[in-house]
Amino acid sequence: MSHEPSRPAGRLLLTPQDKDAPARVRRLRGLGLGERSEPALDAFADRLAHVASVPYSMVNFIDERQQFFAGLHTPDGGARGVGPLADAAGNEFELSRYMARDHGFCPHVVVRRKALVLEDVCDYPRFAGNPVVDGFGVRSYLGAPLLDRSGIALGTICVVDTEPRPWGRAGLETIKALAAELTGQLERREEVHGI
């Protein structure tokens, strides 16, 4: 059974194959994650945005078909990111808590199991053509995997800007430390609640 979204004929495979998706989904469901938003994860996304001084940040869980932003920070902070927003050029777009697996950069982080730093996504041909670049105005990305003690990448945390950003080593170390912190919180849920 394939765990990849269907692609039109002739479309370049830009989203990495995710052989760990079935195990990740079982683990997420066992932890009660990946199917609903949670105020604590929204608060964590708010903290990410504040620390990185960015308009968007997410706590993202990925299954076989889609990404789910269980924690989401948007510039308006209003409807928790569900509804119309505007990019840097003033173009309106609809953002929800769900996104296709072939959109964005978090699926790459999960499969690689390593942080990804894109100071200007347009500098990388593999990423410049991603639908979020034109559709949402994404220009820079910094994300890290949520690696649990069993070695499964549960998902990611990420920060996104509509302008190029020099994240540098400090940004990389910060996002990795925050990912480890959140992973610890998620694992403590399992211990406390006997999940």
N, C-alpha and C. Protein backbone atom coordinates (compact mmCIF):
# COMPACT_ATOMS: atom_id res chain seq x y z
N MET A 1 0.85 -1.17 0.00
CA MET A 1 0.00 0.00 0.00
C MET A 1 0.89 1.23 0.00
N SER A 2 0.58 2.20 -0.83
CA SER A 2 1.36 3.43 -0.93
C SER A 2 0.81 4.47 0.03
N HIS A 3 1.68 5.24 0.62
CA HIS A 3 1.27 6.29 1.55
C HIS A 3 1.62 7.65 0.98
N GLU A 4 1.58 7.77 -0.31
CA GLU A 4 1.89 9.02 -0.98
C GLU A 4 0.65 9.57 -1.66
N PRO A 5 0.49 10.90 -1.66
CA PRO A 5 -0.65 11.48 -2.37
C PRO A 5 -0.49 11.25 -3.86
N SER A 6 -1.62 11.16 -4.56
CA SER A 6 -1.55 11.00 -6.01
C SER A 6 -1.03 12.29 -6.63
N ARG A 7 -0.33 12.15 -7.74
CA ARG A 7 0.25 13.29 -8.43
C ARG A 7 -0.16 13.23 -9.89
N PRO A 8 -0.43 14.39 -10.49
CA PRO A 8 -0.72 14.40 -11.92
C PRO A 8 0.48 13.86 -12.69
N ALA A 9 0.22 13.22 -13.82
CA ALA A 9 1.30 12.68 -14.66
C ALA A 9 2.26 13.79 -15.02
N GLY A 10 3.53 13.49 -14.96
CA GLY A 10 4.55 14.46 -15.34
C GLY A 10 4.97 15.41 -14.23
N ARG A 11 4.32 15.36 -13.07
CA ARG A 11 4.70 16.25 -11.98
C ARG A 11 5.90 15.69 -11.25
N LEU A 12 6.86 16.51 -11.01
CA LEU A 12 8.07 16.12 -10.32
C LEU A 12 7.76 15.70 -8.89
N LEU A 13 8.38 14.64 -8.42
CA LEU A 13 8.20 14.19 -7.04
C LEU A 13 9.05 15.09 -6.14
N LEU A 14 8.40 16.02 -5.45
CA LEU A 14 9.12 16.93 -4.58
C LEU A 14 8.90 16.60 -3.11
N THR A 15 7.82 15.91 -2.80
CA THR A 15 7.56 15.52 -1.43
C THR A 15 8.21 14.16 -1.20
N PRO A 16 9.02 14.04 -0.17
CA PRO A 16 9.73 12.77 0.04
C PRO A 16 8.79 11.64 0.41
N GLN A 17 9.19 10.43 0.03
CA GLN A 17 8.43 9.25 0.42
C GLN A 17 8.49 9.08 1.93
N ASP A 18 7.37 8.74 2.53
CA ASP A 18 7.26 8.65 3.98
C ASP A 18 6.90 7.23 4.39
N LYS A 19 7.91 6.38 4.50
CA LYS A 19 7.68 4.98 4.86
C LYS A 19 7.27 4.79 6.32
N ASP A 20 7.54 5.80 7.15
CA ASP A 20 7.23 5.69 8.57
C ASP A 20 5.81 6.18 8.92
N ALA A 21 5.05 6.63 7.92
CA ALA A 21 3.73 7.20 8.20
C ALA A 21 2.82 6.27 8.99
N PRO A 22 2.69 4.98 8.64
CA PRO A 22 1.78 4.13 9.41
C PRO A 22 2.17 4.02 10.89
N ALA A 23 3.46 3.87 11.17
CA ALA A 23 3.92 3.77 12.56
C ALA A 23 3.70 5.10 13.28
N ARG A 24 3.95 6.20 12.60
CA ARG A 24 3.75 7.53 13.21
C ARG A 24 2.28 7.73 13.56
N VAL A 25 1.38 7.38 12.63
CA VAL A 25 -0.05 7.56 12.87
C VAL A 25 -0.49 6.73 14.07
N ARG A 26 -0.03 5.49 14.17
CA ARG A 26 -0.38 4.65 15.33
C ARG A 26 0.11 5.31 16.62
N ARG A 27 1.33 5.82 16.59
CA ARG A 27 1.90 6.47 17.78
C ARG A 27 1.12 7.73 18.15
N LEU A 28 0.80 8.55 17.15
CA LEU A 28 0.03 9.77 17.41
C LEU A 28 -1.34 9.45 17.99
N ARG A 29 -2.02 8.48 17.41
CA ARG A 29 -3.35 8.12 17.91
C ARG A 29 -3.24 7.59 19.34
N GLY A 30 -2.19 6.83 19.61
CA GLY A 30 -1.97 6.33 20.97
C GLY A 30 -1.74 7.44 21.98
N LEU A 31 -1.17 8.55 21.51
CA LEU A 31 -0.95 9.70 22.38
C LEU A 31 -2.13 10.67 22.38
N GLY A 32 -3.14 10.37 21.56
CA GLY A 32 -4.30 11.26 21.47
C GLY A 32 -3.99 12.55 20.71
N LEU A 33 -3.05 12.46 19.76
CA LEU A 33 -2.62 13.65 19.02
C LEU A 33 -2.95 13.54 17.53
N GLY A 34 -3.02 14.70 16.91
CA GLY A 34 -3.12 14.75 15.46
C GLY A 34 -4.51 14.80 14.89
N GLU A 35 -5.52 14.89 15.74
CA GLU A 35 -6.89 14.93 15.22
C GLU A 35 -7.68 16.14 15.68
N ARG A 36 -7.16 16.88 16.65
CA ARG A 36 -7.87 18.08 17.12
C ARG A 36 -6.86 19.10 17.63
N SER A 37 -7.26 20.34 17.56
CA SER A 37 -6.39 21.39 18.08
C SER A 37 -6.46 21.36 19.61
N GLU A 38 -5.42 21.90 20.22
CA GLU A 38 -5.36 21.93 21.67
C GLU A 38 -4.86 23.30 22.12
N PRO A 39 -5.52 23.89 23.11
CA PRO A 39 -5.08 25.20 23.59
C PRO A 39 -3.61 25.23 24.00
N ALA A 40 -3.11 24.15 24.62
CA ALA A 40 -1.71 24.13 25.04
C ALA A 40 -0.77 24.17 23.84
N LEU A 41 -1.16 23.52 22.73
CA LEU A 41 -0.32 23.53 21.53
C LEU A 41 -0.44 24.86 20.80
N ASP A 42 -1.61 25.49 20.84
CA ASP A 42 -1.74 26.84 20.30
C ASP A 42 -0.84 27.80 21.10
N ALA A 43 -0.82 27.65 22.42
CA ALA A 43 0.02 28.49 23.26
C ALA A 43 1.50 28.27 22.94
N PHE A 44 1.87 27.01 22.67
CA PHE A 44 3.26 26.73 22.30
C PHE A 44 3.58 27.39 20.97
N ALA A 45 2.66 27.34 20.01
CA ALA A 45 2.87 28.01 18.72
C ALA A 45 2.98 29.52 18.91
N ASP A 46 2.18 30.08 19.80
CA ASP A 46 2.29 31.52 20.10
C ASP A 46 3.69 31.84 20.64
N ARG A 47 4.18 31.00 21.52
CA ARG A 47 5.52 31.19 22.08
C ARG A 47 6.59 31.11 21.00
N LEU A 48 6.47 30.13 20.09
CA LEU A 48 7.41 30.01 18.98
C LEU A 48 7.45 31.31 18.17
N ALA A 49 6.27 31.82 17.83
CA ALA A 49 6.18 33.04 17.03
C ALA A 49 6.83 34.22 17.76
N HIS A 50 6.60 34.29 19.06
CA HIS A 50 7.19 35.38 19.84
C HIS A 50 8.71 35.27 19.89
N VAL A 51 9.22 34.08 20.17
CA VAL A 51 10.67 33.87 20.26
C VAL A 51 11.36 34.19 18.94
N ALA A 52 10.74 33.78 17.82
CA ALA A 52 11.36 33.96 16.51
C ALA A 52 10.95 35.26 15.83
N SER A 53 10.01 35.99 16.41
CA SER A 53 9.49 37.23 15.81
C SER A 53 9.00 37.00 14.39
N VAL A 54 8.09 36.04 14.24
CA VAL A 54 7.54 35.70 12.93
C VAL A 54 6.01 35.79 12.96
N PRO A 55 5.39 35.93 11.78
CA PRO A 55 3.93 36.00 11.74
C PRO A 55 3.23 34.64 11.87
N TYR A 56 3.92 33.55 11.50
CA TYR A 56 3.29 32.23 11.51
C TYR A 56 4.18 31.21 12.21
N SER A 57 3.54 30.35 12.99
CA SER A 57 4.25 29.22 13.58
C SER A 57 3.26 28.09 13.80
N MET A 58 3.78 26.87 13.78
CA MET A 58 2.91 25.71 13.86
C MET A 58 3.52 24.58 14.68
N VAL A 59 2.63 23.80 15.28
CA VAL A 59 2.94 22.47 15.81
C VAL A 59 2.17 21.56 14.87
N ASN A 60 2.90 20.76 14.11
CA ASN A 60 2.33 20.06 12.97
C ASN A 60 2.49 18.55 13.11
N PHE A 61 1.38 17.82 12.93
CA PHE A 61 1.40 16.37 12.90
C PHE A 61 1.00 15.92 11.50
N ILE A 62 1.71 14.94 10.97
CA ILE A 62 1.53 14.53 9.58
C ILE A 62 1.14 13.06 9.51
N ASP A 63 0.05 12.78 8.78
CA ASP A 63 -0.33 11.39 8.57
C ASP A 63 -0.09 11.03 7.12
N GLU A 64 -0.72 9.97 6.65
CA GLU A 64 -0.47 9.49 5.29
C GLU A 64 -0.96 10.46 4.22
N ARG A 65 -1.97 11.26 4.53
CA ARG A 65 -2.61 12.10 3.52
C ARG A 65 -2.41 13.59 3.70
N GLN A 66 -2.26 14.04 4.93
CA GLN A 66 -2.27 15.48 5.16
C GLN A 66 -1.47 15.87 6.39
N GLN A 67 -1.34 17.17 6.53
CA GLN A 67 -0.73 17.76 7.70
C GLN A 67 -1.84 18.38 8.55
N PHE A 68 -1.67 18.33 9.87
CA PHE A 68 -2.65 18.93 10.77
C PHE A 68 -1.91 19.82 11.75
N PHE A 69 -2.29 21.10 11.78
CA PHE A 69 -1.67 22.06 12.69
C PHE A 69 -2.42 22.05 14.01
N ALA A 70 -1.96 21.20 14.93
CA ALA A 70 -2.60 21.09 16.24
C ALA A 70 -2.33 22.33 17.08
N GLY A 71 -1.25 23.03 16.77
CA GLY A 71 -0.94 24.32 17.37
C GLY A 71 -0.66 25.28 16.24
N LEU A 72 -1.29 26.46 16.28
CA LEU A 72 -1.16 27.39 15.16
C LEU A 72 -1.17 28.83 15.66
N HIS A 73 -0.22 29.60 15.17
CA HIS A 73 -0.18 31.05 15.43
C HIS A 73 -0.21 31.77 14.09
N THR A 74 -1.11 32.74 13.97
CA THR A 74 -1.20 33.58 12.78
C THR A 74 -1.11 35.03 13.21
N PRO A 75 -0.86 35.95 12.28
CA PRO A 75 -0.70 37.36 12.66
C PRO A 75 -1.91 37.93 13.39
N ASP A 76 -3.12 37.53 12.98
CA ASP A 76 -4.30 38.09 13.63
C ASP A 76 -4.60 37.42 14.96
N GLY A 77 -4.12 36.20 15.14
CA GLY A 77 -4.33 35.49 16.40
C GLY A 77 -5.78 35.25 16.72
N GLY A 78 -6.69 35.72 15.88
CA GLY A 78 -8.12 35.66 16.16
C GLY A 78 -8.70 34.27 16.17
N ALA A 79 -9.11 33.80 15.00
CA ALA A 79 -9.82 32.52 14.90
C ALA A 79 -8.85 31.35 14.89
N ARG A 80 -7.73 31.50 15.53
CA ARG A 80 -6.71 30.46 15.60
C ARG A 80 -6.30 30.00 14.22
N GLY A 81 -6.27 30.97 13.30
CA GLY A 81 -5.72 30.69 11.98
C GLY A 81 -6.67 30.09 10.99
N VAL A 82 -7.94 30.03 11.32
CA VAL A 82 -8.89 29.49 10.36
C VAL A 82 -9.65 30.65 9.75
N GLY A 83 -9.46 30.85 8.47
CA GLY A 83 -10.18 31.92 7.80
C GLY A 83 -9.29 32.70 6.88
N PRO A 84 -9.81 33.79 6.32
CA PRO A 84 -9.03 34.56 5.36
C PRO A 84 -7.93 35.38 6.04
N LEU A 85 -6.77 35.39 5.40
CA LEU A 85 -5.64 36.20 5.83
C LEU A 85 -5.09 36.89 4.59
N ALA A 86 -4.12 37.77 4.77
CA ALA A 86 -3.50 38.43 3.62
C ALA A 86 -2.00 38.24 3.70
N ASP A 87 -1.36 38.02 2.53
CA ASP A 87 0.09 37.90 2.50
C ASP A 87 0.72 39.29 2.45
N ALA A 88 2.05 39.36 2.35
CA ALA A 88 2.77 40.64 2.38
C ALA A 88 2.32 41.57 1.25
N ALA A 89 1.86 41.00 0.12
CA ALA A 89 1.43 41.82 -1.01
C ALA A 89 -0.04 42.22 -0.90
N GLY A 90 -0.72 41.79 0.18
CA GLY A 90 -2.12 42.12 0.36
C GLY A 90 -3.08 41.16 -0.30
N ASN A 91 -2.57 40.06 -0.87
CA ASN A 91 -3.44 39.06 -1.49
C ASN A 91 -4.08 38.21 -0.41
N GLU A 92 -5.41 38.05 -0.46
CA GLU A 92 -6.10 37.22 0.53
C GLU A 92 -5.96 35.74 0.19
N PHE A 93 -5.87 34.93 1.23
CA PHE A 93 -5.84 33.48 1.07
C PHE A 93 -6.52 32.85 2.27
N GLU A 94 -6.93 31.63 2.10
CA GLU A 94 -7.62 30.88 3.15
C GLU A 94 -6.62 29.95 3.83
N LEU A 95 -6.49 30.04 5.13
CA LEU A 95 -5.60 29.17 5.89
C LEU A 95 -6.45 28.38 6.86
N SER A 96 -6.21 27.10 6.92
CA SER A 96 -6.93 26.26 7.88
C SER A 96 -5.90 25.44 8.65
N ARG A 97 -6.39 24.58 9.49
CA ARG A 97 -5.50 23.71 10.26
C ARG A 97 -5.05 22.50 9.48
N TYR A 98 -5.56 22.31 8.28
CA TYR A 98 -5.18 21.17 7.44
C TYR A 98 -4.49 21.65 6.18
N MET A 99 -3.49 20.88 5.75
CA MET A 99 -2.81 21.17 4.50
C MET A 99 -2.36 19.84 3.88
N ALA A 100 -2.38 19.79 2.57
CA ALA A 100 -1.96 18.58 1.86
C ALA A 100 -0.51 18.25 2.20
N ARG A 101 -0.16 16.97 2.13
CA ARG A 101 1.21 16.54 2.42
C ARG A 101 2.21 17.13 1.44
N ASP A 102 1.79 17.44 0.23
CA ASP A 102 2.76 17.94 -0.75
C ASP A 102 2.88 19.47 -0.72
N HIS A 103 2.30 20.10 0.28
CA HIS A 103 2.46 21.54 0.47
C HIS A 103 3.38 21.75 1.67
N GLY A 104 4.20 22.76 1.59
CA GLY A 104 5.04 23.10 2.73
C GLY A 104 6.30 22.25 2.83
N PHE A 105 7.00 22.46 3.92
CA PHE A 105 8.32 21.89 4.10
C PHE A 105 8.42 20.90 5.26
N CYS A 106 7.39 20.85 6.12
CA CYS A 106 7.42 19.95 7.26
C CYS A 106 7.52 18.47 6.88
N PRO A 107 6.89 18.02 5.78
CA PRO A 107 7.08 16.61 5.41
C PRO A 107 8.55 16.25 5.16
N HIS A 108 9.33 17.20 4.68
CA HIS A 108 10.76 16.97 4.48
C HIS A 108 11.46 16.79 5.83
N VAL A 109 11.08 17.60 6.80
CA VAL A 109 11.68 17.52 8.13
C VAL A 109 11.37 16.18 8.78
N VAL A 110 10.13 15.73 8.66
CA VAL A 110 9.73 14.45 9.27
C VAL A 110 10.49 13.29 8.64
N VAL A 111 10.57 13.26 7.32
CA VAL A 111 11.25 12.15 6.65
C VAL A 111 12.75 12.19 6.90
N ARG A 112 13.36 13.37 6.86
CA ARG A 112 14.80 13.52 7.10
C ARG A 112 15.16 13.29 8.57
N ARG A 113 14.17 13.59 9.44
CA ARG A 113 14.38 13.50 10.89
C ARG A 113 15.47 14.46 11.35
N LYS A 114 15.58 15.58 10.62
CA LYS A 114 16.56 16.62 10.95
C LYS A 114 15.92 17.98 10.70
N ALA A 115 16.43 18.98 11.40
CA ALA A 115 15.94 20.34 11.22
C ALA A 115 16.21 20.81 9.79
N LEU A 116 15.40 21.76 9.35
CA LEU A 116 15.55 22.32 8.02
C LEU A 116 15.54 23.84 8.13
N VAL A 117 16.56 24.47 7.56
CA VAL A 117 16.71 25.92 7.58
C VAL A 117 16.64 26.41 6.14
N LEU A 118 15.65 27.23 5.85
CA LEU A 118 15.52 27.85 4.54
C LEU A 118 15.42 29.36 4.76
N GLU A 119 16.54 30.05 4.65
CA GLU A 119 16.54 31.49 4.89
C GLU A 119 15.77 32.23 3.81
N ASP A 120 15.86 31.75 2.57
CA ASP A 120 15.05 32.26 1.47
C ASP A 120 14.72 31.07 0.58
N VAL A 121 13.46 30.61 0.64
CA VAL A 121 13.09 29.40 -0.09
C VAL A 121 13.32 29.55 -1.59
N CYS A 122 13.33 30.77 -2.09
CA CYS A 122 13.53 30.99 -3.52
C CYS A 122 14.96 30.68 -3.96
N ASP A 123 15.88 30.55 -3.01
CA ASP A 123 17.26 30.17 -3.32
C ASP A 123 17.42 28.67 -3.57
N TYR A 124 16.37 27.90 -3.33
CA TYR A 124 16.43 26.44 -3.44
C TYR A 124 15.40 25.97 -4.46
N PRO A 125 15.83 25.61 -5.66
CA PRO A 125 14.87 25.19 -6.70
C PRO A 125 13.91 24.09 -6.23
N ARG A 126 14.39 23.17 -5.42
CA ARG A 126 13.52 22.09 -4.95
C ARG A 126 12.35 22.62 -4.13
N PHE A 127 12.56 23.71 -3.40
CA PHE A 127 11.54 24.25 -2.52
C PHE A 127 10.82 25.47 -3.09
N ALA A 128 11.45 26.19 -4.01
CA ALA A 128 10.87 27.42 -4.54
C ALA A 128 9.55 27.18 -5.26
N GLY A 129 9.37 26.00 -5.83
CA GLY A 129 8.14 25.69 -6.55
C GLY A 129 7.03 25.13 -5.69
N ASN A 130 7.25 25.05 -4.38
CA ASN A 130 6.24 24.51 -3.49
C ASN A 130 5.01 25.42 -3.49
N PRO A 131 3.81 24.86 -3.45
CA PRO A 131 2.59 25.67 -3.50
C PRO A 131 2.48 26.74 -2.41
N VAL A 132 3.13 26.57 -1.25
CA VAL A 132 3.01 27.59 -0.20
C VAL A 132 3.78 28.86 -0.53
N VAL A 133 4.74 28.76 -1.45
CA VAL A 133 5.52 29.95 -1.80
C VAL A 133 4.62 30.95 -2.51
N ASP A 134 3.93 30.52 -3.54
CA ASP A 134 3.03 31.42 -4.26
C ASP A 134 1.68 31.56 -3.57
N GLY A 135 1.16 30.47 -3.05
CA GLY A 135 -0.18 30.50 -2.46
C GLY A 135 -0.28 31.26 -1.15
N PHE A 136 0.74 31.20 -0.32
CA PHE A 136 0.70 31.84 0.99
C PHE A 136 1.79 32.90 1.17
N GLY A 137 2.66 33.06 0.19
CA GLY A 137 3.71 34.07 0.31
C GLY A 137 4.86 33.67 1.22
N VAL A 138 5.07 32.38 1.45
CA VAL A 138 6.16 31.93 2.33
C VAL A 138 7.50 32.21 1.66
N ARG A 139 8.40 32.85 2.40
CA ARG A 139 9.74 33.12 1.89
C ARG A 139 10.83 32.50 2.74
N SER A 140 10.55 32.25 4.03
CA SER A 140 11.57 31.61 4.86
C SER A 140 10.90 30.64 5.82
N TYR A 141 11.68 29.60 6.17
CA TYR A 141 11.15 28.51 6.99
C TYR A 141 12.26 28.01 7.90
N LEU A 142 11.88 27.66 9.12
CA LEU A 142 12.78 27.03 10.07
C LEU A 142 11.96 26.01 10.84
N GLY A 143 12.32 24.73 10.71
CA GLY A 143 11.55 23.69 11.37
C GLY A 143 12.43 22.59 11.93
N ALA A 144 11.90 21.90 12.95
CA ALA A 144 12.62 20.80 13.58
C ALA A 144 11.65 19.68 13.89
N PRO A 145 12.13 18.43 13.83
CA PRO A 145 11.25 17.29 14.11
C PRO A 145 11.00 17.11 15.60
N LEU A 146 9.84 16.53 15.90
CA LEU A 146 9.50 16.13 17.26
C LEU A 146 9.80 14.63 17.34
N LEU A 147 11.02 14.30 17.78
CA LEU A 147 11.48 12.91 17.83
C LEU A 147 11.23 12.33 19.22
N ASP A 148 10.36 11.32 19.29
CA ASP A 148 10.07 10.74 20.60
C ASP A 148 11.15 9.72 20.99
N ARG A 149 11.06 9.19 22.20
CA ARG A 149 12.11 8.30 22.71
C ARG A 149 12.23 7.01 21.93
N SER A 150 11.18 6.64 21.18
CA SER A 150 11.25 5.42 20.37
C SER A 150 11.88 5.69 19.00
N GLY A 151 12.17 6.97 18.73
CA GLY A 151 12.81 7.34 17.47
C GLY A 151 11.84 7.75 16.38
N ILE A 152 10.56 7.75 16.68
CA ILE A 152 9.56 8.15 15.68
C ILE A 152 9.48 9.67 15.63
N ALA A 153 9.47 10.21 14.41
CA ALA A 153 9.24 11.65 14.22
C ALA A 153 7.73 11.86 14.26
N LEU A 154 7.22 12.36 15.37
CA LEU A 154 5.78 12.55 15.55
C LEU A 154 5.24 13.65 14.65
N GLY A 155 6.06 14.64 14.38
CA GLY A 155 5.66 15.80 13.60
C GLY A 155 6.76 16.82 13.65
N THR A 156 6.37 18.09 13.58
CA THR A 156 7.36 19.16 13.58
C THR A 156 6.85 20.36 14.38
N ILE A 157 7.79 21.23 14.69
CA ILE A 157 7.45 22.61 15.03
C ILE A 157 8.15 23.44 13.97
N CYS A 158 7.53 24.54 13.61
CA CYS A 158 8.17 25.40 12.60
C CYS A 158 7.74 26.84 12.77
N VAL A 159 8.57 27.72 12.24
CA VAL A 159 8.27 29.14 12.15
C VAL A 159 8.44 29.54 10.70
N VAL A 160 7.59 30.46 10.25
CA VAL A 160 7.54 30.84 8.85
C VAL A 160 7.41 32.35 8.74
N ASP A 161 8.09 32.91 7.75
CA ASP A 161 7.97 34.36 7.51
C ASP A 161 7.70 34.61 6.04
N THR A 162 7.15 35.76 5.76
CA THR A 162 6.86 36.16 4.38
C THR A 162 8.01 36.97 3.80
N GLU A 163 9.07 37.09 4.54
CA GLU A 163 10.30 37.78 4.10
C GLU A 163 11.47 36.84 4.34
N PRO A 164 12.54 36.94 3.54
CA PRO A 164 13.74 36.15 3.83
C PRO A 164 14.26 36.47 5.23
N ARG A 165 14.78 35.46 5.92
CA ARG A 165 15.28 35.63 7.29
C ARG A 165 16.62 34.95 7.46
N PRO A 166 17.61 35.63 8.00
CA PRO A 166 18.89 34.98 8.32
C PRO A 166 18.78 34.27 9.68
N TRP A 167 18.32 33.04 9.67
CA TRP A 167 18.10 32.32 10.93
C TRP A 167 19.40 32.06 11.68
N GLY A 168 20.46 31.71 10.96
CA GLY A 168 21.76 31.46 11.58
C GLY A 168 21.76 30.28 12.53
N ARG A 169 22.92 30.05 13.11
CA ARG A 169 23.08 28.92 14.04
C ARG A 169 22.21 29.12 15.28
N ALA A 170 22.06 30.35 15.73
CA ALA A 170 21.23 30.60 16.92
C ALA A 170 19.78 30.18 16.67
N GLY A 171 19.25 30.50 15.50
CA GLY A 171 17.89 30.09 15.17
C GLY A 171 17.75 28.58 15.12
N LEU A 172 18.73 27.93 14.51
CA LEU A 172 18.72 26.47 14.42
C LEU A 172 18.75 25.83 15.81
N GLU A 173 19.65 26.29 16.65
CA GLU A 173 19.74 25.73 18.01
C GLU A 173 18.47 25.99 18.81
N THR A 174 17.88 27.17 18.64
CA THR A 174 16.64 27.50 19.35
C THR A 174 15.50 26.59 18.93
N ILE A 175 15.30 26.40 17.63
CA ILE A 175 14.18 25.57 17.17
C ILE A 175 14.38 24.11 17.60
N LYS A 176 15.62 23.63 17.59
CA LYS A 176 15.89 22.26 18.03
C LYS A 176 15.61 22.11 19.53
N ALA A 177 16.01 23.09 20.32
CA ALA A 177 15.77 23.03 21.76
C ALA A 177 14.28 23.08 22.07
N LEU A 178 13.54 23.91 21.36
CA LEU A 178 12.09 24.00 21.58
C LEU A 178 11.39 22.71 21.14
N ALA A 179 11.87 22.08 20.08
CA ALA A 179 11.30 20.81 19.65
C ALA A 179 11.53 19.74 20.72
N ALA A 180 12.72 19.69 21.29
CA ALA A 180 13.01 18.73 22.35
C ALA A 180 12.13 19.00 23.58
N GLU A 181 11.94 20.27 23.89
CA GLU A 181 11.09 20.63 25.02
C GLU A 181 9.65 20.15 24.81
N LEU A 182 9.10 20.41 23.63
CA LEU A 182 7.72 19.99 23.37
C LEU A 182 7.61 18.47 23.33
N THR A 183 8.58 17.80 22.76
CA THR A 183 8.55 16.34 22.74
C THR A 183 8.51 15.81 24.17
N GLY A 184 9.29 16.39 25.05
CA GLY A 184 9.27 15.99 26.45
C GLY A 184 7.90 16.19 27.08
N GLN A 185 7.26 17.31 26.78
CA GLN A 185 5.91 17.56 27.30
C GLN A 185 4.91 16.52 26.79
N LEU A 186 5.02 16.18 25.51
CA LEU A 186 4.12 15.19 24.94
C LEU A 186 4.33 13.81 25.56
N GLU A 187 5.58 13.45 25.80
CA GLU A 187 5.87 12.16 26.41
C GLU A 187 5.43 12.12 27.88
N ARG A 188 5.52 13.26 28.57
CA ARG A 188 5.05 13.30 29.96
C ARG A 188 3.54 13.08 30.03
N ARG A 189 2.81 13.52 29.02
CA ARG A 189 1.36 13.25 28.96
C ARG A 189 1.12 11.75 29.02
N GLU A 190 1.95 11.02 28.29
CA GLU A 190 1.81 9.57 28.25
C GLU A 190 2.05 8.97 29.62
N GLU A 191 3.07 9.47 30.33
CA GLU A 191 3.39 8.96 31.66
C GLU A 191 2.31 9.30 32.67
N VAL A 192 1.84 10.56 32.64
CA VAL A 192 0.86 11.02 33.61
C VAL A 192 -0.50 10.37 33.40
N HIS A 193 -0.91 10.27 32.14
CA HIS A 193 -2.25 9.75 31.84
C HIS A 193 -2.25 8.26 31.52
N GLY A 194 -1.08 7.64 31.52
CA GLY A 194 -1.01 6.22 31.25
C GLY A 194 -1.48 5.87 29.85
N ILE A 195 -1.25 6.79 28.93
CA ILE A 195 -1.67 6.55 27.53
C ILE A 195 -0.83 5.48 26.92
